[in-house]
Amino acid sequence: MPASFWKLPLLLALCTMLCHCGATGPGGGNLGGPSVEERNASIASEPTGDFYYGRRYYVEKTRFWGYLREPRQSSNRAKLVMMREDKKRVPDRLPESGPPGQRYGYDNNYQYRIRGQYTGKEVYDPNSNQFLPEFMLTGYELLDRQPGWLFRPDDRYDPQRITMLPR
């Protein structure tokens, strides 16, 4: 048989294998956390007030801070924001080359109560190629170091690229 006869089946097999490697099914996420029902019940019973719930989302070389949402609002409506630090610095304002646990981004996926307001401006993050809302931070309180998944139980975190978006 000619050598070209085997190329198409091998190419198809390789494509199929590569597609399945990145797939995530139910429970295929790497963040853990509650069931969808438990998360929805938790959000429905959250305290409300003049603050936001923030989830730190760190991806190397990007400058966005993470996602903010209003109390009792689904995380699917959360906004990825750039933090303005004129009044208060973000919790992980540390050197990027420090020891593990003591460097910028150490608090990935921590959940905070965030105080401040949107400035009405959009800020460009060149490393993610996005225009994002600017938020003036005035205060924060750490709520949970391991809240689990953000948008869905099959969320997968990769520190090298943006993998978690509202859906």
C-alpha atoms as a PDB file:
ATOM      1  CA  MET A   1       0.000   0.000   0.000  1.00  0.00           C
ATOM      2  CA  PRO A   2       1.203   3.534  -0.682  1.00  0.00           C
ATOM      3  CA  ALA A   3       2.600   5.518   2.260  1.00  0.00           C
ATOM      4  CA  SER A   4       0.003   8.268   1.770  1.00  0.00           C
ATOM      5  CA  PHE A   5      -2.762   5.722   2.522  1.00  0.00           C
ATOM      6  CA  TRP A   6      -1.754   5.660   6.210  1.00  0.00           C
ATOM      7  CA  LYS A   7      -1.374   9.419   6.633  1.00  0.00           C
ATOM      8  CA  LEU A   8      -5.091  10.258   6.782  1.00  0.00           C
ATOM      9  CA  PRO A   9      -6.044   7.619   9.408  1.00  0.00           C
ATOM     10  CA  LEU A  10      -3.016   8.541  11.536  1.00  0.00           C
ATOM     11  CA  LEU A  11      -3.866  12.230  11.296  1.00  0.00           C
ATOM     12  CA  LEU A  12      -7.489  11.557  12.282  1.00  0.00           C
ATOM     13  CA  ALA A  13      -6.398   9.412  15.244  1.00  0.00           C
ATOM     14  CA  LEU A  14      -3.979  12.109  16.426  1.00  0.00           C
ATOM     15  CA  CYS A  15      -6.644  14.842  16.149  1.00  0.00           C
ATOM     16  CA  THR A  16      -9.146  12.727  18.083  1.00  0.00           C
ATOM     17  CA  MET A  17      -6.620  12.047  20.835  1.00  0.00           C
ATOM     18  CA  LEU A  18      -5.655  15.716  21.154  1.00  0.00           C
ATOM     19  CA  CYS A  19      -9.276  16.837  21.311  1.00  0.00           C
ATOM     20  CA  HIS A  20     -10.042  14.418  24.128  1.00  0.00           C
ATOM     21  CA  CYS A  21      -6.999  15.404  26.165  1.00  0.00           C
ATOM     22  CA  GLY A  22      -8.351  18.903  26.798  1.00  0.00           C
ATOM     23  CA  ALA A  23     -11.966  17.897  27.287  1.00  0.00           C
ATOM     24  CA  THR A  24     -13.617  18.147  30.640  1.00  0.00           C
ATOM     25  CA  GLY A  25     -16.758  16.328  31.496  1.00  0.00           C
ATOM     26  CA  PRO A  26     -18.874  16.445  34.633  1.00  0.00           C
ATOM     27  CA  GLY A  27     -16.571  16.755  37.615  1.00  0.00           C
ATOM     28  CA  GLY A  28     -13.625  17.292  35.284  1.00  0.00           C
ATOM     29  CA  GLY A  29     -12.582  20.579  36.872  1.00  0.00           C
ATOM     30  CA  ASN A  30      -9.490  21.033  39.008  1.00  0.00           C
ATOM     31  CA  LEU A  31     -10.813  23.512  41.592  1.00  0.00           C
ATOM     32  CA  GLY A  32     -13.156  21.314  43.612  1.00  0.00           C
ATOM     33  CA  GLY A  33     -15.955  22.853  45.588  1.00  0.00           C
ATOM     34  CA  PRO A  34     -19.650  22.478  46.290  1.00  0.00           C
ATOM     35  CA  SER A  35     -22.397  21.143  44.078  1.00  0.00           C
ATOM     36  CA  VAL A  36     -24.248  23.589  41.848  1.00  0.00           C
ATOM     37  CA  GLU A  37     -27.249  23.414  44.181  1.00  0.00           C
ATOM     38  CA  GLU A  38     -25.104  24.140  47.258  1.00  0.00           C
ATOM     39  CA  ARG A  39     -23.417  27.085  45.521  1.00  0.00           C
ATOM     40  CA  ASN A  40     -26.767  28.528  44.394  1.00  0.00           C
ATOM     41  CA  ALA A  41     -28.174  28.211  47.933  1.00  0.00           C
ATOM     42  CA  SER A  42     -25.083  29.884  49.370  1.00  0.00           C
ATOM     43  CA  ILE A  43     -25.335  32.802  46.946  1.00  0.00           C
ATOM     44  CA  ALA A  44     -29.083  33.184  47.600  1.00  0.00           C
ATOM     45  CA  SER A  45     -28.443  33.537  51.344  1.00  0.00           C
ATOM     46  CA  GLU A  46     -25.455  35.897  51.141  1.00  0.00           C
ATOM     47  CA  PRO A  47     -25.422  39.068  53.208  1.00  0.00           C
ATOM     48  CA  THR A  48     -26.013  42.143  51.085  1.00  0.00           C
ATOM     49  CA  GLY A  49     -24.552  45.611  51.433  1.00  0.00           C
ATOM     50  CA  ASP A  50     -22.391  48.244  49.831  1.00  0.00           C
ATOM     51  CA  PHE A  51     -19.700  45.831  48.650  1.00  0.00           C
ATOM     52  CA  TYR A  52     -18.919  43.198  46.036  1.00  0.00           C
ATOM     53  CA  TYR A  53     -17.818  39.610  46.213  1.00  0.00           C
ATOM     54  CA  GLY A  54     -14.469  39.229  44.511  1.00  0.00           C
ATOM     55  CA  ARG A  55     -12.676  36.149  43.303  1.00  0.00           C
ATOM     56  CA  ARG A  56      -8.987  36.577  42.605  1.00  0.00           C
ATOM     57  CA  TYR A  57      -8.049  35.154  39.223  1.00  0.00           C
ATOM     58  CA  TYR A  58      -4.331  35.170  38.534  1.00  0.00           C
ATOM     59  CA  VAL A  59      -2.917  34.328  35.115  1.00  0.00           C
ATOM     60  CA  GLU A  60       0.798  34.913  34.600  1.00  0.00           C
ATOM     61  CA  LYS A  61       1.782  38.139  32.838  1.00  0.00           C
ATOM     62  CA  THR A  62      -1.752  39.576  32.920  1.00  0.00           C
ATOM     63  CA  ARG A  63      -2.684  42.621  34.986  1.00  0.00           C
ATOM     64  CA  PHE A  64      -6.370  42.099  35.609  1.00  0.00           C
ATOM     65  CA  TRP A  65      -7.259  41.358  39.228  1.00  0.00           C
ATOM     66  CA  GLY A  66     -10.163  38.944  39.029  1.00  0.00           C
ATOM     67  CA  TYR A  67     -13.934  38.780  38.999  1.00  0.00           C
ATOM     68  CA  LEU A  68     -16.374  40.974  40.930  1.00  0.00           C
ATOM     69  CA  ARG A  69     -20.075  40.394  41.385  1.00  0.00           C
ATOM     70  CA  GLU A  70     -22.809  41.989  43.442  1.00  0.00           C
ATOM     71  CA  PRO A  71     -24.179  40.132  46.483  1.00  0.00           C
ATOM     72  CA  ARG A  72     -26.693  37.419  45.588  1.00  0.00           C
ATOM     73  CA  GLN A  73     -25.764  37.747  41.920  1.00  0.00           C
ATOM     74  CA  SER A  74     -24.721  34.645  39.967  1.00  0.00           C
ATOM     75  CA  SER A  75     -21.021  34.367  39.226  1.00  0.00           C
ATOM     76  CA  ASN A  76     -21.988  34.140  35.547  1.00  0.00           C
ATOM     77  CA  ARG A  77     -22.715  37.874  35.767  1.00  0.00           C
ATOM     78  CA  ALA A  78     -19.348  38.653  37.379  1.00  0.00           C
ATOM     79  CA  LYS A  79     -17.029  41.122  35.656  1.00  0.00           C
ATOM     80  CA  LEU A  80     -13.314  40.674  35.141  1.00  0.00           C
ATOM     81  CA  VAL A  81     -11.768  43.923  36.415  1.00  0.00           C
ATOM     82  CA  MET A  82      -8.599  45.950  36.607  1.00  0.00           C
ATOM     83  CA  MET A  83      -8.023  47.298  40.112  1.00  0.00           C
ATOM     84  CA  ARG A  84      -7.039  50.891  40.685  1.00  0.00           C
ATOM     85  CA  GLU A  85      -4.936  51.102  43.828  1.00  0.00           C
ATOM     86  CA  ASP A  86      -4.821  54.840  44.579  1.00  0.00           C
ATOM     87  CA  LYS A  87      -6.672  54.391  47.889  1.00  0.00           C
ATOM     88  CA  LYS A  88      -5.880  50.791  48.808  1.00  0.00           C
ATOM     89  CA  ARG A  89      -3.466  48.195  47.465  1.00  0.00           C
ATOM     90  CA  VAL A  90      -4.685  44.757  46.423  1.00  0.00           C
ATOM     91  CA  PRO A  91      -4.024  41.969  48.943  1.00  0.00           C
ATOM     92  CA  ASP A  92      -1.272  40.314  46.925  1.00  0.00           C
ATOM     93  CA  ARG A  93       0.726  43.447  46.079  1.00  0.00           C
ATOM     94  CA  LEU A  94       4.050  41.634  46.469  1.00  0.00           C
ATOM     95  CA  PRO A  95       7.080  41.121  44.209  1.00  0.00           C
ATOM     96  CA  GLU A  96       6.480  38.783  41.288  1.00  0.00           C
ATOM     97  CA  SER A  97       9.703  36.871  41.925  1.00  0.00           C
ATOM     98  CA  GLY A  98       9.341  36.229  45.653  1.00  0.00           C
ATOM     99  CA  PRO A  99       9.247  32.795  47.266  1.00  0.00           C
ATOM    100  CA  PRO A 100       6.109  30.656  46.717  1.00  0.00           C
ATOM    101  CA  GLY A 101       3.220  31.881  48.837  1.00  0.00           C
ATOM    102  CA  GLN A 102       4.847  35.292  49.173  1.00  0.00           C
ATOM    103  CA  ARG A 103       4.614  36.627  45.627  1.00  0.00           C
ATOM    104  CA  TYR A 104       2.116  38.425  43.444  1.00  0.00           C
ATOM    105  CA  GLY A 105      -0.736  36.076  42.577  1.00  0.00           C
ATOM    106  CA  TYR A 106      -0.349  33.829  45.646  1.00  0.00           C
ATOM    107  CA  ASP A 107      -4.045  34.332  46.423  1.00  0.00           C
ATOM    108  CA  ASN A 108      -5.426  32.893  43.195  1.00  0.00           C
ATOM    109  CA  ASN A 109      -9.058  31.801  43.688  1.00  0.00           C
ATOM    110  CA  TYR A 110      -9.358  33.358  47.166  1.00  0.00           C
ATOM    111  CA  GLN A 111     -12.758  34.929  47.747  1.00  0.00           C
ATOM    112  CA  TYR A 112     -12.964  38.446  49.188  1.00  0.00           C
ATOM    113  CA  ARG A 113     -15.536  40.996  50.220  1.00  0.00           C
ATOM    114  CA  ILE A 114     -14.422  43.989  48.144  1.00  0.00           C
ATOM    115  CA  ARG A 115     -15.262  47.622  48.865  1.00  0.00           C
ATOM    116  CA  GLY A 116     -14.989  50.429  46.365  1.00  0.00           C
ATOM    117  CA  GLN A 117     -16.663  51.510  43.166  1.00  0.00           C
ATOM    118  CA  TYR A 118     -16.372  51.276  39.428  1.00  0.00           C
ATOM    119  CA  THR A 119     -14.736  54.411  38.013  1.00  0.00           C
ATOM    120  CA  GLY A 120     -16.657  54.291  34.734  1.00  0.00           C
ATOM    121  CA  LYS A 121     -13.399  53.891  32.788  1.00  0.00           C
ATOM    122  CA  GLU A 122     -12.162  50.934  30.817  1.00  0.00           C
ATOM    123  CA  VAL A 123      -8.498  49.984  31.078  1.00  0.00           C
ATOM    124  CA  TYR A 124      -6.502  48.029  28.533  1.00  0.00           C
ATOM    125  CA  ASP A 125      -4.587  44.963  29.679  1.00  0.00           C
ATOM    126  CA  PRO A 126      -2.065  44.410  26.860  1.00  0.00           C
ATOM    127  CA  ASN A 127      -1.139  40.898  27.944  1.00  0.00           C
ATOM    128  CA  SER A 128      -4.705  39.603  27.752  1.00  0.00           C
ATOM    129  CA  ASN A 129      -5.666  42.001  24.930  1.00  0.00           C
ATOM    130  CA  GLN A 130      -8.826  43.118  26.719  1.00  0.00           C
ATOM    131  CA  PHE A 131     -10.454  46.391  27.709  1.00  0.00           C
ATOM    132  CA  LEU A 132     -11.792  45.839  31.218  1.00  0.00           C
ATOM    133  CA  PRO A 133     -13.761  47.936  33.710  1.00  0.00           C
ATOM    134  CA  GLU A 134     -11.644  49.814  36.227  1.00  0.00           C
ATOM    135  CA  PHE A 135     -12.521  49.405  39.901  1.00  0.00           C
ATOM    136  CA  MET A 136     -11.258  51.797  42.618  1.00  0.00           C
ATOM    137  CA  LEU A 137     -10.424  49.578  45.594  1.00  0.00           C
ATOM    138  CA  THR A 138     -11.043  51.090  49.049  1.00  0.00           C
ATOM    139  CA  GLY A 139     -11.014  47.945  51.180  1.00  0.00           C
ATOM    140  CA  TYR A 140     -11.228  44.178  51.314  1.00  0.00           C
ATOM    141  CA  GLU A 141     -11.785  41.269  53.672  1.00  0.00           C
ATOM    142  CA  LEU A 142     -10.691  37.701  53.004  1.00  0.00           C
ATOM    143  CA  LEU A 143     -13.689  35.355  53.178  1.00  0.00           C
ATOM    144  CA  ASP A 144     -12.467  31.986  51.895  1.00  0.00           C
ATOM    145  CA  ARG A 145      -9.115  30.559  50.802  1.00  0.00           C
ATOM    146  CA  GLN A 146     -10.682  27.540  49.043  1.00  0.00           C
ATOM    147  CA  PRO A 147     -14.096  28.441  47.643  1.00  0.00           C
ATOM    148  CA  GLY A 148     -13.825  25.930  44.775  1.00  0.00           C
ATOM    149  CA  TRP A 149     -15.012  26.440  41.227  1.00  0.00           C
ATOM    150  CA  LEU A 150     -16.009  29.879  39.979  1.00  0.00           C
ATOM    151  CA  PHE A 151     -18.450  29.486  37.067  1.00  0.00           C
ATOM    152  CA  ARG A 152     -19.095  25.749  36.828  1.00  0.00           C
ATOM    153  CA  PRO A 153     -17.844  22.598  38.554  1.00  0.00           C
ATOM    154  CA  ASP A 154     -15.814  21.708  35.452  1.00  0.00           C
ATOM    155  CA  ASP A 155     -13.758  24.946  35.615  1.00  0.00           C
ATOM    156  CA  ARG A 156     -10.095  24.248  34.940  1.00  0.00           C
ATOM    157  CA  TYR A 157      -7.413  26.618  36.160  1.00  0.00           C
ATOM    158  CA  ASP A 158      -4.259  27.085  34.133  1.00  0.00           C
ATOM    159  CA  PRO A 159      -1.827  29.768  35.375  1.00  0.00           C
ATOM    160  CA  GLN A 160      -0.438  30.222  31.843  1.00  0.00           C
ATOM    161  CA  ARG A 161      -3.646  31.122  30.000  1.00  0.00           C
ATOM    162  CA  ILE A 162      -7.181  32.423  30.511  1.00  0.00           C
ATOM    163  CA  THR A 163      -9.398  29.398  30.944  1.00  0.00           C
ATOM    164  CA  MET A 164     -12.204  30.685  33.155  1.00  0.00           C
ATOM    165  CA  LEU A 165     -14.826  32.937  31.598  1.00  0.00           C
ATOM    166  CA  PRO A 166     -18.502  33.471  32.489  1.00  0.00           C
ATOM    167  CA  ARG A 167     -20.755  31.160  30.495  1.00  0.00           C
END
